[in-house]
Each structure stands twice: as structure tokens, then as C-alpha cells.
């Protein structure tokens, strides 16, 4: 089985629509794909409809989820939440607060960029974001369009959009311990996304141990932003803390260089995720059954 548990669509900052993402996942030979847009479940219905429309026997299953924006002691981190009840009121309210803060935050960052001499506008960023939840990747793409940086990843530096960078602005974000509590209350499963990715400061392993004690289910060890030695270290840490170790592409369509299925999750680990979840279940595609 090929299982990719971290992807994005145009519902947040990917370039594939949810339907295109599902079709591309099937074409890539995946057995399971998780749609984990930033702080939103808005793409789930379209993805499920596309899954149902795949020709038999596609055999692809969809895991519904989201990537929650969190911050602890000034350090940003992302929490993957799988198979939770999207209508649970407290978690829904927190996701809405994060989403509502994205537009004023983006406009603040655009203002800082203009003060730095970059001729970026809100209209340009809004066009790039389309119907998605506006975020730094959309601003980064605007910088690419303007020739300020050669690629989206080159915008995530202290010179520009990285945490604490010259054009950075904070937004409402969850405390990760609250995120774990809220996702658990909604019947979901939590995995710390790319915990060692060098996108600014990272939390120490002692904090990961505290998160594990608070109910964290796993860490995303195999990821494009983790070097081989880092992946091995994180797998060892997961074993020491009794956490699940996952692997995922963090696919964003053409906005990043990673491809669907570039890193995958062991079927036994995936099976444990589905066993722990009570808020929702994987959605089988045409000719398939919920893979577990």
C-alpha cells in the first residue's frame, strides 16, 4: 500500500482543486491520500465527490483532515489532525478564528513588503489565493511573479517571510496542547507535522515529549524538509516516546517541488491511526473499501 497523509488543495494553499488532487492521487497509484488543508475542511465535500466519481476499480481511500496552525513560546508549529468530527463546535470555532485572522495578517505583511520597496498589492495576492485561505505561500508566489525571489521556498527566509523575518506578521494560532485536546474531543488523531523542518525556530525534543504525554499520537518523520539523518533520529524519538512515525509528501501541486507519494506511511501505522479515530472514517473510492 502507498499511503500519503499530508496534502493541500486550493481550499488552502495548494494549486490543485480538491477534485484534481483526488484524481492525481489515483493516477499516482496511491491507495490512501489525506486532504489536510490549513485550518479548513472546506475541500472535503468536493474531494469526496471526486472520489466517488473515479472509474472502478480505483481503490483509492480518502482520509479527511486539516493542518492546524499552532504556536508555542513564539515558535510556530503545525499539527496534522485526522478523521475528526468537522462539526464539533469548539474545534470549529478555533479553526474559524485562525482563518478569520489570515486576511488582516496578509495585508499587514503586504504593507511591510511595500515599506521594503516591493511593489506587491493585496489584489495580486488575492488573485493568487483565489478561493483558498490566504497565507504566506500566496504572498511568496507574488514575490516570485515580481522577480523578487526565484522560488516560493526562497521567500521563506529572514529577509522576507520566515518567522521573525522582515515582512513577517503574527496571526491567531492554537496552543499545540489545546490543539491536541480539541482534536481528541472531536474524535480525531494528531500528528506533529515536519517537526524538524528548518523554516525558522523549531521546538526541542523535550517539548515533543511533553506533547506526547499530553496525548499526541505521532510525528511526521519522513518529509522532504528532513535530511536522512533527521528522519532516522525522529523515528528513534518516536519509538522512545511511544509515538507513531508517519511519512508524507506535503504536496502543494505546482507550488512546491514535492510529488504525491514522495514519502509514505507504513500500512500498520495507518491502520493504528484509523483504529484510534472515532470522529470520522476513511472514505472508500469506486471499487474500494476503507483501507486500514
C-alpha atoms as a PDB file:
ATOM      1  CA  UNK A   1       0.000   0.000   0.000  1.00  0.00           C
ATOM      2  CA  UNK A   2       1.104   3.553  -0.788  1.00  0.00           C
ATOM      3  CA  UNK A   3      -0.260   5.983   1.797  1.00  0.00           C
ATOM      4  CA  UNK A   4       0.296   9.764   1.673  1.00  0.00           C
ATOM      5  CA  UNK A   5      -1.110  11.529   4.745  1.00  0.00           C
ATOM      6  CA  UNK A   6      -0.345  15.204   4.077  1.00  0.00           C
ATOM      7  CA  UNK A   7      -1.570  17.124   1.009  1.00  0.00           C
ATOM      8  CA  UNK A   8      -3.055  20.524   0.200  1.00  0.00           C
ATOM      9  CA  UNK A   9      -5.563  21.834  -2.318  1.00  0.00           C
ATOM     10  CA  UNK A  10      -6.855  25.215  -3.441  1.00  0.00           C
ATOM     11  CA  UNK A  11      -9.013  25.210  -0.300  1.00  0.00           C
ATOM     12  CA  UNK A  12      -5.832  26.498   1.374  1.00  0.00           C
ATOM     13  CA  UNK A  13      -2.515  27.000  -0.433  1.00  0.00           C
ATOM     14  CA  UNK A  14      -2.248  24.171  -2.959  1.00  0.00           C
ATOM     15  CA  UNK A  15      -2.660  24.595  -6.719  1.00  0.00           C
ATOM     16  CA  UNK A  16      -4.835  21.502  -7.380  1.00  0.00           C
ATOM     17  CA  UNK A  17      -8.534  21.750  -6.671  1.00  0.00           C
ATOM     18  CA  UNK A  18      -9.725  19.092  -4.212  1.00  0.00           C
ATOM     19  CA  UNK A  19     -11.141  17.112  -7.144  1.00  0.00           C
ATOM     20  CA  UNK A  20      -7.901  17.394  -9.118  1.00  0.00           C
ATOM     21  CA  UNK A  21      -5.934  16.313  -6.062  1.00  0.00           C
ATOM     22  CA  UNK A  22      -8.001  13.133  -5.750  1.00  0.00           C
ATOM     23  CA  UNK A  23      -7.662  12.332  -9.435  1.00  0.00           C
ATOM     24  CA  UNK A  24      -3.928  12.991  -9.341  1.00  0.00           C
ATOM     25  CA  UNK A  25      -3.555  10.779  -6.262  1.00  0.00           C
ATOM     26  CA  UNK A  26      -5.307   7.946  -8.080  1.00  0.00           C
ATOM     27  CA  UNK A  27      -3.142   8.485 -11.168  1.00  0.00           C
ATOM     28  CA  UNK A  28      -0.028   8.402  -8.953  1.00  0.00           C
ATOM     29  CA  UNK A  29      -1.004   4.936  -7.757  1.00  0.00           C
ATOM     30  CA  UNK A  30      -1.790   5.892  -4.180  1.00  0.00           C
ATOM     31  CA  UNK A  31      -4.015   3.646  -2.096  1.00  0.00           C
ATOM     32  CA  UNK A  32      -4.727   6.313   0.548  1.00  0.00           C
ATOM     33  CA  UNK A  33      -4.476  10.097   0.424  1.00  0.00           C
ATOM     34  CA  UNK A  34      -5.235  12.564   3.227  1.00  0.00           C
ATOM     35  CA  UNK A  35      -6.520  16.054   2.420  1.00  0.00           C
ATOM     36  CA  UNK A  36      -5.089  18.298   5.147  1.00  0.00           C
ATOM     37  CA  UNK A  37      -5.635  21.904   4.126  1.00  0.00           C
ATOM     38  CA  UNK A  38      -4.580  24.627   6.539  1.00  0.00           C
ATOM     39  CA  UNK A  39      -7.189  25.209   9.254  1.00  0.00           C
ATOM     40  CA  UNK A  40     -10.107  24.278   6.994  1.00  0.00           C
ATOM     41  CA  UNK A  41     -12.231  21.335   5.923  1.00  0.00           C
ATOM     42  CA  UNK A  42     -13.814  23.268   3.062  1.00  0.00           C
ATOM     43  CA  UNK A  43     -12.355  20.999   0.372  1.00  0.00           C
ATOM     44  CA  UNK A  44     -13.621  17.735   1.826  1.00  0.00           C
ATOM     45  CA  UNK A  45     -17.002  17.625   0.078  1.00  0.00           C
ATOM     46  CA  UNK A  46     -15.503  18.235  -3.366  1.00  0.00           C
ATOM     47  CA  UNK A  47     -12.780  15.646  -2.746  1.00  0.00           C
ATOM     48  CA  UNK A  48     -15.336  13.025  -1.652  1.00  0.00           C
ATOM     49  CA  UNK A  49     -17.486  13.712  -4.711  1.00  0.00           C
ATOM     50  CA  UNK A  50     -14.449  13.306  -6.969  1.00  0.00           C
ATOM     51  CA  UNK A  51     -13.511  10.091  -5.191  1.00  0.00           C
ATOM     52  CA  UNK A  52     -16.977   8.686  -5.833  1.00  0.00           C
ATOM     53  CA  UNK A  53     -16.588   9.587  -9.491  1.00  0.00           C
ATOM     54  CA  UNK A  54     -13.343   7.717 -10.071  1.00  0.00           C
ATOM     55  CA  UNK A  55     -13.644   4.799 -12.505  1.00  0.00           C
ATOM     56  CA  UNK A  56     -13.724   1.354 -10.941  1.00  0.00           C
ATOM     57  CA  UNK A  57     -11.670  -0.214  -9.575  1.00  0.00           C
ATOM     58  CA  UNK A  58      -9.791   2.879  -8.389  1.00  0.00           C
ATOM     59  CA  UNK A  59      -9.345   1.558  -4.872  1.00  0.00           C
ATOM     60  CA  UNK A  60      -8.235   4.932  -3.504  1.00  0.00           C
ATOM     61  CA  UNK A  61      -9.381   5.880   0.011  1.00  0.00           C
ATOM     62  CA  UNK A  62      -9.595   9.449   1.295  1.00  0.00           C
ATOM     63  CA  UNK A  63      -8.671  10.479   4.831  1.00  0.00           C
ATOM     64  CA  UNK A  64     -10.275  13.773   5.820  1.00  0.00           C
ATOM     65  CA  UNK A  65      -8.202  16.096   7.966  1.00  0.00           C
ATOM     66  CA  UNK A  66      -6.645  19.518   8.418  1.00  0.00           C
ATOM     67  CA  UNK A  67      -3.294  21.055   9.290  1.00  0.00           C
ATOM     68  CA  UNK A  68      -3.761  23.278  12.328  1.00  0.00           C
ATOM     69  CA  UNK A  69      -1.644  26.384  12.848  1.00  0.00           C
ATOM     70  CA  UNK A  70      -0.109  26.378  16.329  1.00  0.00           C
ATOM     71  CA  UNK A  71       2.434  28.424  18.281  1.00  0.00           C
ATOM     72  CA  UNK A  72       4.304  27.722  21.495  1.00  0.00           C
ATOM     73  CA  UNK A  73       6.681  30.182  23.183  1.00  0.00           C
ATOM     74  CA  UNK A  74       7.000  32.131  19.956  1.00  0.00           C
ATOM     75  CA  UNK A  75       7.731  29.073  17.800  1.00  0.00           C
ATOM     76  CA  UNK A  76       5.307  28.175  15.017  1.00  0.00           C
ATOM     77  CA  UNK A  77       4.391  24.533  14.510  1.00  0.00           C
ATOM     78  CA  UNK A  78       1.758  22.633  12.579  1.00  0.00           C
ATOM     79  CA  UNK A  79      -0.470  19.868  13.875  1.00  0.00           C
ATOM     80  CA  UNK A  80      -1.977  17.392  11.437  1.00  0.00           C
ATOM     81  CA  UNK A  81      -5.451  16.354  12.577  1.00  0.00           C
ATOM     82  CA  UNK A  82      -7.029  13.263  11.027  1.00  0.00           C
ATOM     83  CA  UNK A  83     -10.543  11.843  10.965  1.00  0.00           C
ATOM     84  CA  UNK A  84     -12.118  14.269  13.439  1.00  0.00           C
ATOM     85  CA  UNK A  85     -15.747  15.341  13.509  1.00  0.00           C
ATOM     86  CA  UNK A  86     -15.708  18.572  11.445  1.00  0.00           C
ATOM     87  CA  UNK A  87     -18.872  19.805  13.157  1.00  0.00           C
ATOM     88  CA  UNK A  88     -17.542  19.587  16.721  1.00  0.00           C
ATOM     89  CA  UNK A  89     -18.239  23.171  17.882  1.00  0.00           C
ATOM     90  CA  UNK A  90     -15.143  24.069  19.915  1.00  0.00           C
ATOM     91  CA  UNK A  91     -12.645  22.883  17.295  1.00  0.00           C
ATOM     92  CA  UNK A  92     -14.731  24.502  14.549  1.00  0.00           C
ATOM     93  CA  UNK A  93     -14.683  27.807  16.420  1.00  0.00           C
ATOM     94  CA  UNK A  94     -10.900  27.754  16.812  1.00  0.00           C
ATOM     95  CA  UNK A  95     -10.360  26.936  13.121  1.00  0.00           C
ATOM     96  CA  UNK A  96     -12.625  29.847  12.222  1.00  0.00           C
ATOM     97  CA  UNK A  97     -10.643  32.237  14.423  1.00  0.00           C
ATOM     98  CA  UNK A  98      -7.419  31.211  12.669  1.00  0.00           C
ATOM     99  CA  UNK A  99      -8.985  31.581   9.204  1.00  0.00           C
ATOM    100  CA  UNK A 100     -10.536  34.964  10.016  1.00  0.00           C
ATOM    101  CA  UNK A 101      -7.129  36.313  11.033  1.00  0.00           C
ATOM    102  CA  UNK A 102      -5.465  35.310   7.766  1.00  0.00           C
ATOM    103  CA  UNK A 103      -6.665  38.274   5.693  1.00  0.00           C
ATOM    104  CA  UNK A 104      -5.622  41.077   8.087  1.00  0.00           C
ATOM    105  CA  UNK A 105      -2.335  39.262   8.669  1.00  0.00           C
ATOM    106  CA  UNK A 106      -1.671  39.015   4.927  1.00  0.00           C
ATOM    107  CA  UNK A 107      -2.460  42.702   4.475  1.00  0.00           C
ATOM    108  CA  UNK A 108      -0.036  43.578   7.280  1.00  0.00           C
ATOM    109  CA  UNK A 109       2.708  41.545   5.597  1.00  0.00           C
ATOM    110  CA  UNK A 110       1.976  43.199   2.255  1.00  0.00           C
ATOM    111  CA  UNK A 111       2.306  46.595   3.957  1.00  0.00           C
ATOM    112  CA  UNK A 112       5.693  45.600   5.377  1.00  0.00           C
ATOM    113  CA  UNK A 113       6.858  44.418   1.970  1.00  0.00           C
ATOM    114  CA  UNK A 114       5.800  47.690   0.378  1.00  0.00           C
ATOM    115  CA  UNK A 115       7.778  49.558   3.043  1.00  0.00           C
ATOM    116  CA  UNK A 116      10.754  47.453   1.947  1.00  0.00           C
ATOM    117  CA  UNK A 117      10.287  48.633  -1.626  1.00  0.00           C
ATOM    118  CA  UNK A 118       8.426  45.603  -3.008  1.00  0.00           C
ATOM    119  CA  UNK A 119       5.557  46.590  -5.317  1.00  0.00           C
ATOM    120  CA  UNK A 120       3.192  43.837  -4.141  1.00  0.00           C
ATOM    121  CA  UNK A 121      -0.531  44.504  -3.727  1.00  0.00           C
ATOM    122  CA  UNK A 122      -3.422  42.872  -1.929  1.00  0.00           C
ATOM    123  CA  UNK A 123      -5.198  42.465  -5.266  1.00  0.00           C
ATOM    124  CA  UNK A 124      -2.266  40.421  -6.613  1.00  0.00           C
ATOM    125  CA  UNK A 125      -2.156  38.150  -3.552  1.00  0.00           C
ATOM    126  CA  UNK A 126      -5.936  37.739  -3.511  1.00  0.00           C
ATOM    127  CA  UNK A 127      -5.840  36.704  -7.182  1.00  0.00           C
ATOM    128  CA  UNK A 128      -3.196  34.068  -6.431  1.00  0.00           C
ATOM    129  CA  UNK A 129      -5.099  32.775  -3.388  1.00  0.00           C
ATOM    130  CA  UNK A 130      -8.386  32.536  -5.297  1.00  0.00           C
ATOM    131  CA  UNK A 131     -10.930  30.763  -3.104  1.00  0.00           C
ATOM    132  CA  UNK A 132      -8.230  29.395  -0.784  1.00  0.00           C
ATOM    133  CA  UNK A 133      -7.383  30.536   2.726  1.00  0.00           C
ATOM    134  CA  UNK A 134      -4.787  33.214   2.074  1.00  0.00           C
ATOM    135  CA  UNK A 135      -1.373  32.549   3.600  1.00  0.00           C
ATOM    136  CA  UNK A 136       2.335  33.144   3.271  1.00  0.00           C
ATOM    137  CA  UNK A 137       2.733  30.813   0.254  1.00  0.00           C
ATOM    138  CA  UNK A 138       0.417  33.080  -1.743  1.00  0.00           C
ATOM    139  CA  UNK A 139       2.486  36.118  -0.796  1.00  0.00           C
ATOM    140  CA  UNK A 140       5.620  34.150  -1.648  1.00  0.00           C
ATOM    141  CA  UNK A 141       4.223  33.373  -5.099  1.00  0.00           C
ATOM    142  CA  UNK A 142       3.560  37.074  -5.591  1.00  0.00           C
ATOM    143  CA  UNK A 143       7.229  37.720  -4.828  1.00  0.00           C
ATOM    144  CA  UNK A 144       8.158  35.140  -7.467  1.00  0.00           C
ATOM    145  CA  UNK A 145       5.868  36.830 -10.001  1.00  0.00           C
ATOM    146  CA  UNK A 146       7.539  40.163  -9.263  1.00  0.00           C
ATOM    147  CA  UNK A 147      11.018  38.671  -9.678  1.00  0.00           C
ATOM    148  CA  UNK A 148      11.975  39.422  -6.078  1.00  0.00           C
ATOM    149  CA  UNK A 149      12.877  35.772  -5.352  1.00  0.00           C
ATOM    150  CA  UNK A 150      13.403  32.842  -7.749  1.00  0.00           C
ATOM    151  CA  UNK A 151      11.103  30.383  -5.967  1.00  0.00           C
ATOM    152  CA  UNK A 152       8.467  30.154  -3.243  1.00  0.00           C
ATOM    153  CA  UNK A 153      10.920  28.497  -0.852  1.00  0.00           C
ATOM    154  CA  UNK A 154      13.368  31.391  -1.330  1.00  0.00           C
ATOM    155  CA  UNK A 155      10.743  33.743   0.108  1.00  0.00           C
ATOM    156  CA  UNK A 156      10.780  31.887   3.433  1.00  0.00           C
ATOM    157  CA  UNK A 157      13.985  33.486   4.717  1.00  0.00           C
ATOM    158  CA  UNK A 158      14.647  36.081   7.442  1.00  0.00           C
ATOM    159  CA  UNK A 159      14.998  38.625   4.657  1.00  0.00           C
ATOM    160  CA  UNK A 160      11.352  38.126   3.711  1.00  0.00           C
ATOM    161  CA  UNK A 161       8.615  35.865   5.141  1.00  0.00           C
ATOM    162  CA  UNK A 162      10.216  33.435   7.593  1.00  0.00           C
ATOM    163  CA  UNK A 163       9.109  33.515  11.237  1.00  0.00           C
ATOM    164  CA  UNK A 164      10.547  36.737  12.626  1.00  0.00           C
ATOM    165  CA  UNK A 165      11.539  37.902   9.139  1.00  0.00           C
ATOM    166  CA  UNK A 166      11.401  41.496   7.959  1.00  0.00           C
ATOM    167  CA  UNK A 167       7.916  41.094   6.471  1.00  0.00           C
ATOM    168  CA  UNK A 168       6.551  38.568   8.957  1.00  0.00           C
ATOM    169  CA  UNK A 169       3.361  39.207  10.912  1.00  0.00           C
ATOM    170  CA  UNK A 170       1.750  37.022  13.532  1.00  0.00           C
ATOM    171  CA  UNK A 171      -1.761  35.597  13.360  1.00  0.00           C
ATOM    172  CA  UNK A 172      -4.103  33.844  15.747  1.00  0.00           C
ATOM    173  CA  UNK A 173      -2.742  30.350  16.324  1.00  0.00           C
ATOM    174  CA  UNK A 174      -3.613  27.494  18.647  1.00  0.00           C
ATOM    175  CA  UNK A 175      -1.565  26.375  21.583  1.00  0.00           C
ATOM    176  CA  UNK A 176      -0.485  22.863  20.482  1.00  0.00           C
ATOM    177  CA  UNK A 177      -1.602  21.355  23.782  1.00  0.00           C
ATOM    178  CA  UNK A 178      -5.047  22.874  23.221  1.00  0.00           C
ATOM    179  CA  UNK A 179      -4.996  21.570  19.649  1.00  0.00           C
ATOM    180  CA  UNK A 180      -4.382  18.021  20.869  1.00  0.00           C
ATOM    181  CA  UNK A 181      -7.188  18.344  23.420  1.00  0.00           C
ATOM    182  CA  UNK A 182      -9.640  19.756  20.877  1.00  0.00           C
ATOM    183  CA  UNK A 183      -8.875  17.184  18.181  1.00  0.00           C
ATOM    184  CA  UNK A 184      -9.164  14.346  20.708  1.00  0.00           C
ATOM    185  CA  UNK A 185     -12.518  15.709  21.877  1.00  0.00           C
ATOM    186  CA  UNK A 186     -13.638  15.683  18.230  1.00  0.00           C
ATOM    187  CA  UNK A 187     -12.628  12.026  17.869  1.00  0.00           C
ATOM    188  CA  UNK A 188      -9.510  12.727  15.824  1.00  0.00           C
ATOM    189  CA  UNK A 189      -5.848  11.754  15.762  1.00  0.00           C
ATOM    190  CA  UNK A 190      -2.927  14.212  15.978  1.00  0.00           C
ATOM    191  CA  UNK A 191       0.480  14.086  14.277  1.00  0.00           C
ATOM    192  CA  UNK A 192       3.125  16.806  14.649  1.00  0.00           C
ATOM    193  CA  UNK A 193       3.919  17.895  11.063  1.00  0.00           C
ATOM    194  CA  UNK A 194       7.566  18.169   9.905  1.00  0.00           C
ATOM    195  CA  UNK A 195       8.847  18.852  13.455  1.00  0.00           C
ATOM    196  CA  UNK A 196      12.471  19.435  12.391  1.00  0.00           C
ATOM    197  CA  UNK A 197      11.873  21.435   9.207  1.00  0.00           C
ATOM    198  CA  UNK A 198      14.169  24.464   9.185  1.00  0.00           C
ATOM    199  CA  UNK A 199      11.560  27.133   8.478  1.00  0.00           C
ATOM    200  CA  UNK A 200      12.595  29.212  11.454  1.00  0.00           C
ATOM    201  CA  UNK A 201      12.964  28.096  15.056  1.00  0.00           C
ATOM    202  CA  UNK A 202      11.901  24.569  15.959  1.00  0.00           C
ATOM    203  CA  UNK A 203      10.777  23.200  19.305  1.00  0.00           C
ATOM    204  CA  UNK A 204      13.229  20.987  21.236  1.00  0.00           C
ATOM    205  CA  UNK A 205      12.684  17.272  21.667  1.00  0.00           C
ATOM    206  CA  UNK A 206      11.723  17.906  25.305  1.00  0.00           C
ATOM    207  CA  UNK A 207       8.619  19.718  24.046  1.00  0.00           C
ATOM    208  CA  UNK A 208       7.753  16.800  21.776  1.00  0.00           C
ATOM    209  CA  UNK A 209       7.977  14.577  24.867  1.00  0.00           C
ATOM    210  CA  UNK A 210       5.567  16.907  26.681  1.00  0.00           C
ATOM    211  CA  UNK A 211       3.182  16.810  23.721  1.00  0.00           C
ATOM    212  CA  UNK A 212       3.374  13.023  23.731  1.00  0.00           C
ATOM    213  CA  UNK A 213       2.479  12.999  27.409  1.00  0.00           C
ATOM    214  CA  UNK A 214      -0.494  15.251  26.593  1.00  0.00           C
ATOM    215  CA  UNK A 215      -1.864  12.780  24.053  1.00  0.00           C
ATOM    216  CA  UNK A 216      -0.028  13.467  20.785  1.00  0.00           C
ATOM    217  CA  UNK A 217      -0.373  10.384  18.579  1.00  0.00           C
ATOM    218  CA  UNK A 218       2.578  10.727  16.231  1.00  0.00           C
ATOM    219  CA  UNK A 219       5.247  12.729  14.448  1.00  0.00           C
ATOM    220  CA  UNK A 220       5.818  13.131  10.732  1.00  0.00           C
ATOM    221  CA  UNK A 221       9.329  11.714  10.384  1.00  0.00           C
ATOM    222  CA  UNK A 222       9.654  11.155   6.633  1.00  0.00           C
ATOM    223  CA  UNK A 223       9.266  14.537   4.927  1.00  0.00           C
ATOM    224  CA  UNK A 224      11.067  16.429   2.178  1.00  0.00           C
ATOM    225  CA  UNK A 225      12.365  19.003   4.692  1.00  0.00           C
ATOM    226  CA  UNK A 226      14.055  16.315   6.816  1.00  0.00           C
ATOM    227  CA  UNK A 227      17.514  15.046   5.874  1.00  0.00           C
ATOM    228  CA  UNK A 228      18.025  11.251   6.060  1.00  0.00           C
ATOM    229  CA  UNK A 229      19.820  11.503   9.405  1.00  0.00           C
ATOM    230  CA  UNK A 230      16.994  13.674  10.756  1.00  0.00           C
ATOM    231  CA  UNK A 231      14.393  11.162   9.634  1.00  0.00           C
ATOM    232  CA  UNK A 232      16.291   8.380  11.408  1.00  0.00           C
ATOM    233  CA  UNK A 233      16.591  10.478  14.571  1.00  0.00           C
ATOM    234  CA  UNK A 234      12.877  11.280  14.573  1.00  0.00           C
ATOM    235  CA  UNK A 235      11.964   7.643  14.099  1.00  0.00           C
ATOM    236  CA  UNK A 236      14.106   6.802  17.109  1.00  0.00           C
ATOM    237  CA  UNK A 237      12.460   9.571  19.111  1.00  0.00           C
ATOM    238  CA  UNK A 238       9.019   8.277  18.144  1.00  0.00           C
ATOM    239  CA  UNK A 239       9.952   4.797  19.314  1.00  0.00           C
ATOM    240  CA  UNK A 240      11.286   6.161  22.619  1.00  0.00           C
ATOM    241  CA  UNK A 241       8.108   8.179  23.245  1.00  0.00           C
ATOM    242  CA  UNK A 242       5.626   5.567  22.046  1.00  0.00           C
ATOM    243  CA  UNK A 243       4.546   7.749  19.116  1.00  0.00           C
ATOM    244  CA  UNK A 244       3.543   6.723  15.611  1.00  0.00           C
ATOM    245  CA  UNK A 245       6.002   7.745  12.874  1.00  0.00           C
ATOM    246  CA  UNK A 246       4.404   8.816   9.602  1.00  0.00           C
ATOM    247  CA  UNK A 247       5.667   9.805   6.168  1.00  0.00           C
ATOM    248  CA  UNK A 248       4.010  12.226   3.754  1.00  0.00           C
ATOM    249  CA  UNK A 249       4.668  14.373   0.699  1.00  0.00           C
ATOM    250  CA  UNK A 250       3.207  17.687   1.951  1.00  0.00           C
ATOM    251  CA  UNK A 251       2.070  18.070  -1.647  1.00  0.00           C
ATOM    252  CA  UNK A 252       1.028  21.569  -2.768  1.00  0.00           C
ATOM    253  CA  UNK A 253       0.677  20.972  -6.501  1.00  0.00           C
ATOM    254  CA  UNK A 254       2.968  23.192  -8.568  1.00  0.00           C
ATOM    255  CA  UNK A 255       3.694  25.475  -5.618  1.00  0.00           C
ATOM    256  CA  UNK A 256       6.348  23.067  -4.291  1.00  0.00           C
ATOM    257  CA  UNK A 257       8.702  20.598  -5.911  1.00  0.00           C
ATOM    258  CA  UNK A 258       7.483  17.540  -3.973  1.00  0.00           C
ATOM    259  CA  UNK A 259       5.275  14.981  -5.715  1.00  0.00           C
ATOM    260  CA  UNK A 260       2.427  12.849  -4.434  1.00  0.00           C
ATOM    261  CA  UNK A 261       3.713   9.758  -2.675  1.00  0.00           C
ATOM    262  CA  UNK A 262       7.269  11.100  -2.391  1.00  0.00           C
ATOM    263  CA  UNK A 263       7.187   9.886   1.224  1.00  0.00           C
ATOM    264  CA  UNK A 264       4.610   7.436   2.529  1.00  0.00           C
ATOM    265  CA  UNK A 265       3.289   5.961   5.770  1.00  0.00           C
ATOM    266  CA  UNK A 266       3.641   2.337   6.800  1.00  0.00           C
ATOM    267  CA  UNK A 267       0.299   0.492   6.461  1.00  0.00           C
ATOM    268  CA  UNK A 268       0.465  -0.705  10.079  1.00  0.00           C
ATOM    269  CA  UNK A 269       0.873   2.871  11.292  1.00  0.00           C
ATOM    270  CA  UNK A 270      -2.023   3.966   9.108  1.00  0.00           C
ATOM    271  CA  UNK A 271      -4.128   1.136  10.465  1.00  0.00           C
ATOM    272  CA  UNK A 272      -3.430   2.311  14.006  1.00  0.00           C
ATOM    273  CA  UNK A 273      -4.478   5.862  13.074  1.00  0.00           C
ATOM    274  CA  UNK A 274      -7.800   4.611  11.737  1.00  0.00           C
ATOM    275  CA  UNK A 275      -8.323   2.433  14.808  1.00  0.00           C
ATOM    276  CA  UNK A 276      -7.809   5.385  17.150  1.00  0.00           C
ATOM    277  CA  UNK A 277     -10.160   7.708  15.263  1.00  0.00           C
ATOM    278  CA  UNK A 278     -13.801   7.910  16.297  1.00  0.00           C
ATOM    279  CA  UNK A 279     -14.872  11.218  14.734  1.00  0.00           C
ATOM    280  CA  UNK A 280     -14.847  10.079  11.103  1.00  0.00           C
ATOM    281  CA  UNK A 281     -13.732   7.181   8.926  1.00  0.00           C
ATOM    282  CA  UNK A 282     -11.725   6.931   5.702  1.00  0.00           C
ATOM    283  CA  UNK A 283     -13.899   7.317   2.627  1.00  0.00           C
ATOM    284  CA  UNK A 284     -13.541   4.491   0.073  1.00  0.00           C
ATOM    285  CA  UNK A 285     -13.471   5.225  -3.621  1.00  0.00           C
ATOM    286  CA  UNK A 286     -15.033   3.341  -6.502  1.00  0.00           C
ATOM    287  CA  UNK A 287     -14.402  -0.368  -6.183  1.00  0.00           C
ATOM    288  CA  UNK A 288     -12.587   0.128  -2.883  1.00  0.00           C
ATOM    289  CA  UNK A 289     -13.160  -0.358   0.814  1.00  0.00           C
ATOM    290  CA  UNK A 290     -11.836   1.821   3.642  1.00  0.00           C
ATOM    291  CA  UNK A 291      -8.168   0.812   3.721  1.00  0.00           C
ATOM    292  CA  UNK A 292      -6.945   0.147   7.228  1.00  0.00           C
END
